[in-house]
Amino acid sequence: MALNPGDPAPDFSLPATGGETLSLAGLEGRKAVLYFYPKDDTSGCTLEAQAFNGLAQAFAEADTAVIGVSPDPMKSHDKFREKYGLAFPLASDETKAMLEAYGVWVEKSMYGRKYMGVERTTVLIDRDGTIAKVWPKVKVPGHAEAVLEAARAL
């Protein structure tokens, strides 16, 4: 199910780095960027994490939380966050319930082989819990900057 601007953001509660539990309710009153990525410590995912991390202060000044979400287990997230000094939390959705609710757990194809995986997608949620903008099939270069501009405009 594809999400569109104006839709209510699907509720979630997930374990995250730093021993946190992150939920939609916990973000209430704040803008949030949920960026969904396939796998910790792979080239594209690392570049995306570093791009968001490089703008962490600017997102904070825009009163916008940044959260990375993938199906990787917490142990992998903790190592990935520590290795690259990420300033924002990474949430783990091993059950894929949130990934499915946000429409990012999809059938993919590589070299003719079909498999299920995360479609690199970013969702900007407004302070009232509605979807403000969705970036499907993200290409990493320049993406974090575009998300920041949209967050500032809210």
C-alpha atoms as a PDB file:
ATOM      1  CA  MET A   1       0.000   0.000   0.000  1.00  0.00           C
ATOM      2  CA  ALA A   2       1.550   3.283  -1.083  1.00  0.00           C
ATOM      3  CA  LEU A   3       1.334   6.203   1.321  1.00  0.00           C
ATOM      4  CA  ASN A   4       0.460   9.656   0.073  1.00  0.00           C
ATOM      5  CA  PRO A   5       0.753  13.157   1.522  1.00  0.00           C
ATOM      6  CA  GLY A   6      -2.154  13.814   3.853  1.00  0.00           C
ATOM      7  CA  ASP A   7      -2.509  10.158   4.896  1.00  0.00           C
ATOM      8  CA  PRO A   8      -2.158   9.387   8.591  1.00  0.00           C
ATOM      9  CA  ALA A   9       1.258   7.842   9.284  1.00  0.00           C
ATOM     10  CA  PRO A  10       0.894   4.173  10.269  1.00  0.00           C
ATOM     11  CA  ASP A  11       1.538   3.607  13.962  1.00  0.00           C
ATOM     12  CA  PHE A  12       4.673   1.739  15.019  1.00  0.00           C
ATOM     13  CA  SER A  13       6.719   0.814  18.049  1.00  0.00           C
ATOM     14  CA  LEU A  14      10.198  -0.583  17.398  1.00  0.00           C
ATOM     15  CA  PRO A  15      13.383  -1.290  19.325  1.00  0.00           C
ATOM     16  CA  ALA A  16      16.155   1.127  18.456  1.00  0.00           C
ATOM     17  CA  THR A  17      19.811   1.781  19.130  1.00  0.00           C
ATOM     18  CA  GLY A  18      20.698   3.133  22.544  1.00  0.00           C
ATOM     19  CA  GLY A  19      18.148   0.830  24.190  1.00  0.00           C
ATOM     20  CA  GLU A  20      15.298   3.066  23.051  1.00  0.00           C
ATOM     21  CA  THR A  21      11.843   2.097  21.859  1.00  0.00           C
ATOM     22  CA  LEU A  22      10.673   4.425  19.115  1.00  0.00           C
ATOM     23  CA  SER A  23       7.007   4.960  18.312  1.00  0.00           C
ATOM     24  CA  LEU A  24       4.823   7.292  16.308  1.00  0.00           C
ATOM     25  CA  ALA A  25       3.211   8.475  19.557  1.00  0.00           C
ATOM     26  CA  GLY A  26       6.665   9.330  20.919  1.00  0.00           C
ATOM     27  CA  LEU A  27       7.224  11.671  17.969  1.00  0.00           C
ATOM     28  CA  GLU A  28       3.993  13.598  18.473  1.00  0.00           C
ATOM     29  CA  GLY A  29       4.461  17.349  18.192  1.00  0.00           C
ATOM     30  CA  ARG A  30       7.688  16.924  16.238  1.00  0.00           C
ATOM     31  CA  LYS A  31       8.437  16.465  12.559  1.00  0.00           C
ATOM     32  CA  ALA A  32      10.109  13.184  11.692  1.00  0.00           C
ATOM     33  CA  VAL A  33      12.060  11.696   8.816  1.00  0.00           C
ATOM     34  CA  LEU A  34      11.790   7.923   8.546  1.00  0.00           C
ATOM     35  CA  TYR A  35      14.286   6.679   6.028  1.00  0.00           C
ATOM     36  CA  PHE A  36      13.933   3.031   5.117  1.00  0.00           C
ATOM     37  CA  TYR A  37      17.038   1.267   3.856  1.00  0.00           C
ATOM     38  CA  PRO A  38      17.877  -2.321   2.886  1.00  0.00           C
ATOM     39  CA  LYS A  39      20.935  -3.317   4.940  1.00  0.00           C
ATOM     40  CA  ASP A  40      23.452  -2.002   7.460  1.00  0.00           C
ATOM     41  CA  ASP A  41      27.044  -1.384   6.339  1.00  0.00           C
ATOM     42  CA  THR A  42      26.482  -1.775   2.601  1.00  0.00           C
ATOM     43  CA  SER A  43      27.752   0.912   0.236  1.00  0.00           C
ATOM     44  CA  GLY A  44      24.499   2.736  -0.623  1.00  0.00           C
ATOM     45  CA  CYS A  45      23.095   2.446   2.881  1.00  0.00           C
ATOM     46  CA  THR A  46      26.323   3.723   4.412  1.00  0.00           C
ATOM     47  CA  LEU A  47      26.401   6.727   2.058  1.00  0.00           C
ATOM     48  CA  GLU A  48      22.767   7.524   2.891  1.00  0.00           C
ATOM     49  CA  ALA A  49      23.385   7.251   6.649  1.00  0.00           C
ATOM     50  CA  GLN A  50      26.466   9.464   6.379  1.00  0.00           C
ATOM     51  CA  ALA A  51      24.514  12.061   4.362  1.00  0.00           C
ATOM     52  CA  PHE A  52      21.758  12.274   6.985  1.00  0.00           C
ATOM     53  CA  ASN A  53      24.368  12.261   9.754  1.00  0.00           C
ATOM     54  CA  GLY A  54      26.243  15.156   8.159  1.00  0.00           C
ATOM     55  CA  LEU A  55      23.032  17.194   8.358  1.00  0.00           C
ATOM     56  CA  ALA A  56      22.055  16.063  11.876  1.00  0.00           C
ATOM     57  CA  GLN A  57      22.472  19.541  13.373  1.00  0.00           C
ATOM     58  CA  ALA A  58      20.445  21.160  10.588  1.00  0.00           C
ATOM     59  CA  PHE A  59      17.634  18.624  11.068  1.00  0.00           C
ATOM     60  CA  ALA A  60      17.697  19.317  14.829  1.00  0.00           C
ATOM     61  CA  GLU A  61      17.449  23.057  14.142  1.00  0.00           C
ATOM     62  CA  ALA A  62      14.433  22.290  11.905  1.00  0.00           C
ATOM     63  CA  ASP A  63      12.868  20.402  14.875  1.00  0.00           C
ATOM     64  CA  THR A  64      12.932  17.203  12.848  1.00  0.00           C
ATOM     65  CA  ALA A  65      13.860  13.773  14.197  1.00  0.00           C
ATOM     66  CA  VAL A  66      15.744  11.458  11.815  1.00  0.00           C
ATOM     67  CA  ILE A  67      15.282   7.710  12.190  1.00  0.00           C
ATOM     68  CA  GLY A  68      16.767   4.998   9.995  1.00  0.00           C
ATOM     69  CA  VAL A  69      14.685   1.814   9.695  1.00  0.00           C
ATOM     70  CA  SER A  70      15.664  -1.573   8.303  1.00  0.00           C
ATOM     71  CA  PRO A  71      14.943  -5.244   9.047  1.00  0.00           C
ATOM     72  CA  ASP A  72      18.462  -5.760  10.423  1.00  0.00           C
ATOM     73  CA  PRO A  73      18.707  -6.972  14.040  1.00  0.00           C
ATOM     74  CA  MET A  74      19.670  -4.601  16.851  1.00  0.00           C
ATOM     75  CA  LYS A  75      23.188  -6.064  17.142  1.00  0.00           C
ATOM     76  CA  SER A  76      23.845  -5.089  13.506  1.00  0.00           C
ATOM     77  CA  HIS A  77      22.349  -1.612  14.035  1.00  0.00           C
ATOM     78  CA  ASP A  78      24.474  -0.996  17.121  1.00  0.00           C
ATOM     79  CA  LYS A  79      27.672  -1.940  15.251  1.00  0.00           C
ATOM     80  CA  PHE A  80      26.704   0.148  12.198  1.00  0.00           C
ATOM     81  CA  ARG A  81      25.825   3.208  14.298  1.00  0.00           C
ATOM     82  CA  GLU A  82      29.042   2.962  16.315  1.00  0.00           C
ATOM     83  CA  LYS A  83      31.272   2.321  13.268  1.00  0.00           C
ATOM     84  CA  TYR A  84      30.086   5.509  11.528  1.00  0.00           C
ATOM     85  CA  GLY A  85      29.344   7.649  14.605  1.00  0.00           C
ATOM     86  CA  LEU A  86      25.708   8.148  13.646  1.00  0.00           C
ATOM     87  CA  ALA A  87      23.964  10.792  15.739  1.00  0.00           C
ATOM     88  CA  PHE A  88      20.439   9.517  15.105  1.00  0.00           C
ATOM     89  CA  PRO A  89      18.746   6.250  16.111  1.00  0.00           C
ATOM     90  CA  LEU A  90      18.336   3.176  13.932  1.00  0.00           C
ATOM     91  CA  ALA A  91      15.155   1.153  14.460  1.00  0.00           C
ATOM     92  CA  SER A  92      14.880  -2.573  13.837  1.00  0.00           C
ATOM     93  CA  ASP A  93      11.808  -4.121  12.205  1.00  0.00           C
ATOM     94  CA  GLU A  94      12.737  -7.784  12.050  1.00  0.00           C
ATOM     95  CA  THR A  95       9.038  -8.762  11.803  1.00  0.00           C
ATOM     96  CA  LYS A  96       8.644  -6.386   8.829  1.00  0.00           C
ATOM     97  CA  ALA A  97       5.224  -5.244  10.120  1.00  0.00           C
ATOM     98  CA  MET A  98       6.157  -1.547   9.954  1.00  0.00           C
ATOM     99  CA  LEU A  99       7.974  -1.988   6.632  1.00  0.00           C
ATOM    100  CA  GLU A 100       4.787  -3.527   5.205  1.00  0.00           C
ATOM    101  CA  ALA A 101       2.544  -0.830   6.747  1.00  0.00           C
ATOM    102  CA  TYR A 102       4.675   1.863   5.087  1.00  0.00           C
ATOM    103  CA  GLY A 103       4.655  -0.019   1.762  1.00  0.00           C
ATOM    104  CA  VAL A 104       8.422  -0.450   1.534  1.00  0.00           C
ATOM    105  CA  TRP A 105       8.695  -4.266   1.902  1.00  0.00           C
ATOM    106  CA  VAL A 106       8.360  -5.182  -1.764  1.00  0.00           C
ATOM    107  CA  GLU A 107       9.272  -7.761  -4.344  1.00  0.00           C
ATOM    108  CA  LYS A 108      12.594  -6.890  -5.944  1.00  0.00           C
ATOM    109  CA  SER A 109      14.562  -8.451  -8.769  1.00  0.00           C
ATOM    110  CA  MET A 110      18.290  -8.820  -9.303  1.00  0.00           C
ATOM    111  CA  TYR A 111      19.871 -10.793 -12.130  1.00  0.00           C
ATOM    112  CA  GLY A 112      16.479 -12.326 -12.890  1.00  0.00           C
ATOM    113  CA  ARG A 113      15.984 -13.578  -9.320  1.00  0.00           C
ATOM    114  CA  LYS A 114      12.937 -12.297  -7.452  1.00  0.00           C
ATOM    115  CA  TYR A 115      13.087 -11.749  -3.700  1.00  0.00           C
ATOM    116  CA  MET A 116      11.501  -9.612  -0.984  1.00  0.00           C
ATOM    117  CA  GLY A 117      13.404  -6.601   0.309  1.00  0.00           C
ATOM    118  CA  VAL A 118      13.262  -2.975   1.391  1.00  0.00           C
ATOM    119  CA  GLU A 119      12.711  -0.366  -1.297  1.00  0.00           C
ATOM    120  CA  ARG A 120      14.862   2.614  -0.321  1.00  0.00           C
ATOM    121  CA  THR A 121      12.187   5.155   0.635  1.00  0.00           C
ATOM    122  CA  THR A 122      11.985   8.235   2.838  1.00  0.00           C
ATOM    123  CA  VAL A 123       8.842   9.513   4.554  1.00  0.00           C
ATOM    124  CA  LEU A 124       8.495  12.970   6.114  1.00  0.00           C
ATOM    125  CA  ILE A 125       5.866  13.097   8.869  1.00  0.00           C
ATOM    126  CA  ASP A 126       4.383  16.395  10.035  1.00  0.00           C
ATOM    127  CA  ARG A 127       3.924  17.333  13.706  1.00  0.00           C
ATOM    128  CA  ASP A 128       0.316  16.083  13.660  1.00  0.00           C
ATOM    129  CA  GLY A 129       1.268  12.574  12.513  1.00  0.00           C
ATOM    130  CA  THR A 130       0.277  12.955   8.864  1.00  0.00           C
ATOM    131  CA  ILE A 131       2.457  12.111   5.890  1.00  0.00           C
ATOM    132  CA  ALA A 132       3.877  15.356   4.473  1.00  0.00           C
ATOM    133  CA  LYS A 133       6.006  13.872   1.660  1.00  0.00           C
ATOM    134  CA  VAL A 134       7.192  10.507   0.356  1.00  0.00           C
ATOM    135  CA  TRP A 135      10.346   9.863  -1.672  1.00  0.00           C
ATOM    136  CA  PRO A 136      10.101   6.366  -3.246  1.00  0.00           C
ATOM    137  CA  LYS A 137      13.020   4.548  -4.900  1.00  0.00           C
ATOM    138  CA  VAL A 138      15.555   6.987  -3.449  1.00  0.00           C
ATOM    139  CA  LYS A 139      18.808   7.753  -5.204  1.00  0.00           C
ATOM    140  CA  VAL A 140      21.273   8.752  -2.477  1.00  0.00           C
ATOM    141  CA  PRO A 141      23.230  11.719  -3.953  1.00  0.00           C
ATOM    142  CA  GLY A 142      21.547  14.966  -2.854  1.00  0.00           C
ATOM    143  CA  HIS A 143      18.659  13.168  -1.173  1.00  0.00           C
ATOM    144  CA  ALA A 144      19.295  14.124   2.468  1.00  0.00           C
ATOM    145  CA  GLU A 145      19.573  17.780   1.408  1.00  0.00           C
ATOM    146  CA  ALA A 146      16.214  17.600  -0.422  1.00  0.00           C
ATOM    147  CA  VAL A 147      14.587  16.045   2.662  1.00  0.00           C
ATOM    148  CA  LEU A 148      16.032  18.764   4.867  1.00  0.00           C
ATOM    149  CA  GLU A 149      14.610  21.486   2.613  1.00  0.00           C
ATOM    150  CA  ALA A 150      11.163  19.859   2.753  1.00  0.00           C
ATOM    151  CA  ALA A 151      11.390  19.575   6.568  1.00  0.00           C
ATOM    152  CA  ARG A 152      12.347  23.241   6.863  1.00  0.00           C
ATOM    153  CA  ALA A 153       9.361  24.199   4.674  1.00  0.00           C
ATOM    154  CA  LEU A 154       6.849  22.520   7.021  1.00  0.00           C
END
